[in-house]
Amino acid sequence: MEGKWVALHLMMIVLMASTLNVSKGLSICNMNEDGFNACKPSVTEPNPIDPSPKCCEAITGADLNCLCSYKNSPQLPLFGIDPILATSLPAKCNLTPPSNC
């Protein structure tokens, strides 16, 4: 019976850990969900705005080569992201964009 309780507690710990992991959100190319959300108004039509300081901070810490690998992804429009606007963000944040972007 004690083995069942240990297994139950272990399962609860694993479930709690996975829930905490999900609540942190996604992270792609060293850019977390907060960074993506900060930049979204700058990469969506019809009225994109200049990137905020929070967006530029997120872009500064991101792996730009990795992000550029998504520029031709058919999923970007599904998230409302305009690839042309997205590739212009580094320059708008006074960063040197990767040559392949």
N, C-alpha and C. Protein backbone atom coordinates (compact mmCIF):
# COMPACT_ATOMS: atom_id res chain seq x y z
N MET A 1 0.82 -1.20 0.00
CA MET A 1 0.00 0.00 0.00
C MET A 1 0.87 1.27 0.00
N GLU A 2 1.99 1.21 0.74
CA GLU A 2 2.87 2.36 0.81
C GLU A 2 3.45 2.69 -0.58
N GLY A 3 3.72 1.67 -1.38
CA GLY A 3 4.23 1.88 -2.73
C GLY A 3 3.25 2.64 -3.60
N LYS A 4 1.94 2.40 -3.40
CA LYS A 4 0.93 3.12 -4.18
C LYS A 4 0.93 4.60 -3.81
N TRP A 5 1.11 4.91 -2.52
CA TRP A 5 1.13 6.31 -2.09
C TRP A 5 2.36 7.03 -2.66
N VAL A 6 3.47 6.35 -2.66
CA VAL A 6 4.69 6.94 -3.22
C VAL A 6 4.49 7.21 -4.70
N ALA A 7 3.92 6.26 -5.41
CA ALA A 7 3.66 6.43 -6.84
C ALA A 7 2.69 7.57 -7.08
N LEU A 8 1.65 7.67 -6.24
CA LEU A 8 0.66 8.74 -6.38
C LEU A 8 1.32 10.10 -6.15
N HIS A 9 2.14 10.22 -5.11
CA HIS A 9 2.82 11.48 -4.84
C HIS A 9 3.78 11.84 -5.97
N LEU A 10 4.48 10.86 -6.47
CA LEU A 10 5.40 11.10 -7.57
C LEU A 10 4.66 11.60 -8.80
N MET A 11 3.51 10.98 -9.09
CA MET A 11 2.71 11.39 -10.24
C MET A 11 2.21 12.83 -10.04
N MET A 12 1.80 13.17 -8.82
CA MET A 12 1.32 14.53 -8.56
C MET A 12 2.44 15.55 -8.76
N ILE A 13 3.65 15.21 -8.33
CA ILE A 13 4.78 16.11 -8.50
C ILE A 13 5.07 16.33 -9.99
N VAL A 14 5.03 15.26 -10.76
CA VAL A 14 5.27 15.37 -12.21
C VAL A 14 4.19 16.23 -12.86
N LEU A 15 2.94 16.04 -12.49
CA LEU A 15 1.85 16.84 -13.05
C LEU A 15 2.00 18.31 -12.69
N MET A 16 2.36 18.58 -11.44
CA MET A 16 2.54 19.97 -11.03
C MET A 16 3.70 20.61 -11.78
N ALA A 17 4.78 19.88 -11.95
CA ALA A 17 5.93 20.42 -12.68
C ALA A 17 5.58 20.71 -14.13
N SER A 18 4.83 19.82 -14.75
CA SER A 18 4.46 20.05 -16.15
C SER A 18 3.51 21.23 -16.27
N THR A 19 2.64 21.42 -15.28
CA THR A 19 1.73 22.55 -15.29
C THR A 19 2.51 23.85 -15.16
N LEU A 20 3.49 23.88 -14.28
CA LEU A 20 4.31 25.08 -14.13
C LEU A 20 5.08 25.38 -15.40
N ASN A 21 5.55 24.35 -16.06
CA ASN A 21 6.28 24.54 -17.31
C ASN A 21 5.39 25.15 -18.37
N VAL A 22 4.15 24.70 -18.47
CA VAL A 22 3.22 25.22 -19.46
C VAL A 22 2.87 26.66 -19.15
N SER A 23 2.73 26.99 -17.87
CA SER A 23 2.32 28.34 -17.52
C SER A 23 3.40 29.37 -17.85
N LYS A 24 4.64 28.96 -18.00
CA LYS A 24 5.70 29.89 -18.37
C LYS A 24 5.58 30.28 -19.84
N GLY A 25 4.85 29.52 -20.62
CA GLY A 25 4.65 29.84 -22.01
C GLY A 25 5.75 29.33 -22.90
N LEU A 26 5.64 29.71 -24.14
CA LEU A 26 6.58 29.22 -25.13
C LEU A 26 7.86 30.03 -25.14
N SER A 27 8.90 29.42 -25.63
CA SER A 27 10.18 30.09 -25.82
C SER A 27 10.77 29.55 -27.11
N ILE A 28 10.98 30.44 -28.05
CA ILE A 28 11.54 30.06 -29.35
C ILE A 28 12.71 30.99 -29.64
N CYS A 29 13.82 30.41 -30.02
CA CYS A 29 15.01 31.19 -30.41
C CYS A 29 15.43 32.17 -29.31
N ASN A 30 15.39 31.72 -28.07
CA ASN A 30 15.75 32.54 -26.90
C ASN A 30 14.84 33.74 -26.71
N MET A 31 13.63 33.65 -27.20
CA MET A 31 12.65 34.72 -27.03
C MET A 31 11.41 34.09 -26.40
N ASN A 32 11.00 34.63 -25.25
CA ASN A 32 9.86 34.02 -24.56
C ASN A 32 8.54 34.65 -25.01
N GLU A 33 7.48 34.13 -24.45
CA GLU A 33 6.14 34.57 -24.85
C GLU A 33 5.93 36.05 -24.59
N ASP A 34 6.46 36.57 -23.48
CA ASP A 34 6.33 38.00 -23.19
C ASP A 34 7.00 38.84 -24.28
N GLY A 35 8.16 38.39 -24.74
CA GLY A 35 8.85 39.11 -25.81
C GLY A 35 8.05 39.10 -27.10
N PHE A 36 7.50 37.94 -27.44
CA PHE A 36 6.67 37.86 -28.65
C PHE A 36 5.45 38.77 -28.53
N ASN A 37 4.82 38.76 -27.36
CA ASN A 37 3.65 39.62 -27.16
C ASN A 37 4.01 41.10 -27.23
N ALA A 38 5.19 41.46 -26.73
CA ALA A 38 5.63 42.85 -26.79
C ALA A 38 5.87 43.30 -28.23
N CYS A 39 6.30 42.38 -29.06
CA CYS A 39 6.62 42.73 -30.46
C CYS A 39 5.43 42.57 -31.41
N LYS A 40 4.42 41.85 -31.01
CA LYS A 40 3.32 41.56 -31.93
C LYS A 40 2.68 42.81 -32.55
N PRO A 41 2.45 43.90 -31.78
CA PRO A 41 1.85 45.09 -32.42
C PRO A 41 2.73 45.69 -33.52
N SER A 42 4.00 45.35 -33.52
CA SER A 42 4.92 45.89 -34.53
C SER A 42 5.00 45.03 -35.78
N VAL A 43 4.45 43.84 -35.72
CA VAL A 43 4.56 42.92 -36.86
C VAL A 43 3.21 42.47 -37.40
N THR A 44 2.15 43.18 -37.00
CA THR A 44 0.82 42.83 -37.49
C THR A 44 0.21 44.00 -38.25
N GLU A 45 -0.45 43.68 -39.30
CA GLU A 45 -1.18 44.67 -40.10
C GLU A 45 -2.57 44.85 -39.48
N PRO A 46 -3.28 45.87 -39.74
CA PRO A 46 -3.07 46.88 -40.76
C PRO A 46 -2.28 48.09 -40.27
N ASN A 47 -2.12 48.27 -38.98
CA ASN A 47 -1.45 49.47 -38.47
C ASN A 47 -0.32 49.12 -37.51
N PRO A 48 0.79 48.61 -38.03
CA PRO A 48 1.89 48.25 -37.13
C PRO A 48 2.47 49.51 -36.47
N ILE A 49 2.93 49.34 -35.24
CA ILE A 49 3.53 50.45 -34.52
C ILE A 49 5.04 50.21 -34.39
N ASP A 50 5.77 51.26 -34.04
CA ASP A 50 7.20 51.09 -33.80
C ASP A 50 7.40 50.15 -32.62
N PRO A 51 8.47 49.37 -32.65
CA PRO A 51 8.70 48.43 -31.54
C PRO A 51 8.92 49.17 -30.22
N SER A 52 8.35 48.63 -29.17
CA SER A 52 8.50 49.19 -27.83
C SER A 52 9.88 48.85 -27.28
N PRO A 53 10.31 49.55 -26.23
CA PRO A 53 11.57 49.17 -25.58
C PRO A 53 11.58 47.71 -25.12
N LYS A 54 10.43 47.23 -24.64
CA LYS A 54 10.35 45.84 -24.19
C LYS A 54 10.54 44.88 -25.38
N CYS A 55 9.99 45.23 -26.53
CA CYS A 55 10.17 44.42 -27.73
C CYS A 55 11.65 44.41 -28.13
N CYS A 56 12.26 45.58 -28.16
CA CYS A 56 13.68 45.66 -28.56
C CYS A 56 14.57 44.91 -27.58
N GLU A 57 14.21 44.94 -26.30
CA GLU A 57 14.98 44.18 -25.32
C GLU A 57 14.87 42.68 -25.62
N ALA A 58 13.67 42.24 -25.97
CA ALA A 58 13.47 40.82 -26.30
C ALA A 58 14.24 40.45 -27.57
N ILE A 59 14.23 41.32 -28.56
CA ILE A 59 14.94 41.06 -29.82
C ILE A 59 16.45 41.02 -29.56
N THR A 60 16.94 41.88 -28.68
CA THR A 60 18.37 41.92 -28.37
C THR A 60 18.85 40.60 -27.79
N GLY A 61 18.01 39.97 -26.97
CA GLY A 61 18.40 38.70 -26.36
C GLY A 61 18.08 37.48 -27.20
N ALA A 62 17.41 37.68 -28.31
CA ALA A 62 16.97 36.55 -29.15
C ALA A 62 18.08 36.09 -30.09
N ASP A 63 17.95 34.88 -30.55
CA ASP A 63 18.84 34.33 -31.57
C ASP A 63 18.26 34.74 -32.92
N LEU A 64 18.80 35.81 -33.49
CA LEU A 64 18.23 36.36 -34.72
C LEU A 64 18.34 35.41 -35.90
N ASN A 65 19.42 34.67 -36.00
CA ASN A 65 19.54 33.69 -37.08
C ASN A 65 18.44 32.64 -36.98
N CYS A 66 18.16 32.23 -35.77
CA CYS A 66 17.09 31.25 -35.54
C CYS A 66 15.74 31.85 -35.94
N LEU A 67 15.47 33.08 -35.49
CA LEU A 67 14.20 33.72 -35.85
C LEU A 67 14.06 33.88 -37.36
N CYS A 68 15.16 34.21 -38.02
CA CYS A 68 15.12 34.38 -39.48
C CYS A 68 14.80 33.08 -40.20
N SER A 69 15.11 31.97 -39.58
CA SER A 69 14.80 30.69 -40.21
C SER A 69 13.30 30.47 -40.35
N TYR A 70 12.50 31.27 -39.65
CA TYR A 70 11.04 31.16 -39.72
C TYR A 70 10.41 32.14 -40.71
N LYS A 71 11.23 32.97 -41.37
CA LYS A 71 10.65 34.04 -42.19
C LYS A 71 9.78 33.55 -43.34
N ASN A 72 10.01 32.36 -43.84
CA ASN A 72 9.18 31.82 -44.92
C ASN A 72 8.18 30.79 -44.43
N SER A 73 7.98 30.75 -43.14
CA SER A 73 7.07 29.76 -42.56
C SER A 73 5.62 30.10 -42.87
N PRO A 74 4.85 29.12 -43.33
CA PRO A 74 3.43 29.38 -43.59
C PRO A 74 2.63 29.58 -42.31
N GLN A 75 3.24 29.29 -41.14
CA GLN A 75 2.53 29.46 -39.88
C GLN A 75 2.49 30.92 -39.42
N LEU A 76 3.42 31.75 -39.85
CA LEU A 76 3.44 33.13 -39.38
C LEU A 76 2.12 33.85 -39.61
N PRO A 77 1.55 33.79 -40.81
CA PRO A 77 0.26 34.45 -41.01
C PRO A 77 -0.85 33.89 -40.11
N LEU A 78 -0.75 32.63 -39.74
CA LEU A 78 -1.76 32.06 -38.84
C LEU A 78 -1.74 32.75 -37.48
N PHE A 79 -0.57 33.28 -37.10
CA PHE A 79 -0.44 34.01 -35.84
C PHE A 79 -0.58 35.51 -36.04
N GLY A 80 -0.93 35.92 -37.26
CA GLY A 80 -1.11 37.34 -37.56
C GLY A 80 0.19 38.09 -37.77
N ILE A 81 1.27 37.38 -38.01
CA ILE A 81 2.59 38.01 -38.15
C ILE A 81 2.91 38.21 -39.63
N ASP A 82 3.26 39.44 -39.97
CA ASP A 82 3.69 39.76 -41.33
C ASP A 82 5.21 39.55 -41.39
N PRO A 83 5.68 38.60 -42.20
CA PRO A 83 7.11 38.30 -42.25
C PRO A 83 7.98 39.50 -42.63
N ILE A 84 7.50 40.35 -43.50
CA ILE A 84 8.27 41.52 -43.92
C ILE A 84 8.45 42.48 -42.73
N LEU A 85 7.37 42.69 -41.99
CA LEU A 85 7.48 43.54 -40.80
C LEU A 85 8.39 42.91 -39.76
N ALA A 86 8.29 41.59 -39.61
CA ALA A 86 9.11 40.89 -38.62
C ALA A 86 10.59 41.00 -38.94
N THR A 87 10.95 40.88 -40.21
CA THR A 87 12.37 40.95 -40.57
C THR A 87 12.92 42.38 -40.45
N SER A 88 12.04 43.37 -40.36
CA SER A 88 12.51 44.75 -40.21
C SER A 88 12.72 45.13 -38.74
N LEU A 89 12.30 44.30 -37.81
CA LEU A 89 12.40 44.64 -36.39
C LEU A 89 13.84 44.88 -35.91
N PRO A 90 14.80 44.02 -36.23
CA PRO A 90 16.15 44.27 -35.72
C PRO A 90 16.67 45.67 -36.08
N ALA A 91 16.50 46.08 -37.31
CA ALA A 91 16.98 47.41 -37.72
C ALA A 91 16.25 48.51 -36.96
N LYS A 92 14.96 48.33 -36.73
CA LYS A 92 14.19 49.33 -35.98
C LYS A 92 14.62 49.40 -34.52
N CYS A 93 15.24 48.34 -34.04
CA CYS A 93 15.75 48.30 -32.66
C CYS A 93 17.26 48.58 -32.62
N ASN A 94 17.78 49.15 -33.71
CA ASN A 94 19.20 49.49 -33.82
C ASN A 94 20.12 48.29 -33.67
N LEU A 95 19.69 47.16 -34.20
CA LEU A 95 20.50 45.95 -34.22
C LEU A 95 20.84 45.62 -35.67
N THR A 96 21.94 44.94 -35.86
CA THR A 96 22.32 44.52 -37.20
C THR A 96 21.62 43.20 -37.50
N PRO A 97 20.75 43.21 -38.50
CA PRO A 97 20.06 41.96 -38.83
C PRO A 97 21.03 40.96 -39.47
N PRO A 98 20.77 39.68 -39.32
CA PRO A 98 21.61 38.68 -39.97
C PRO A 98 21.58 38.86 -41.49
N SER A 99 22.68 38.54 -42.13
CA SER A 99 22.77 38.74 -43.58
C SER A 99 21.80 37.85 -44.35
N ASN A 100 21.39 36.72 -43.76
CA ASN A 100 20.47 35.82 -44.46
C ASN A 100 19.02 36.20 -44.26
N CYS A 101 18.77 37.33 -43.65
CA CYS A 101 17.39 37.68 -43.33
C CYS A 101 16.93 38.79 -44.23
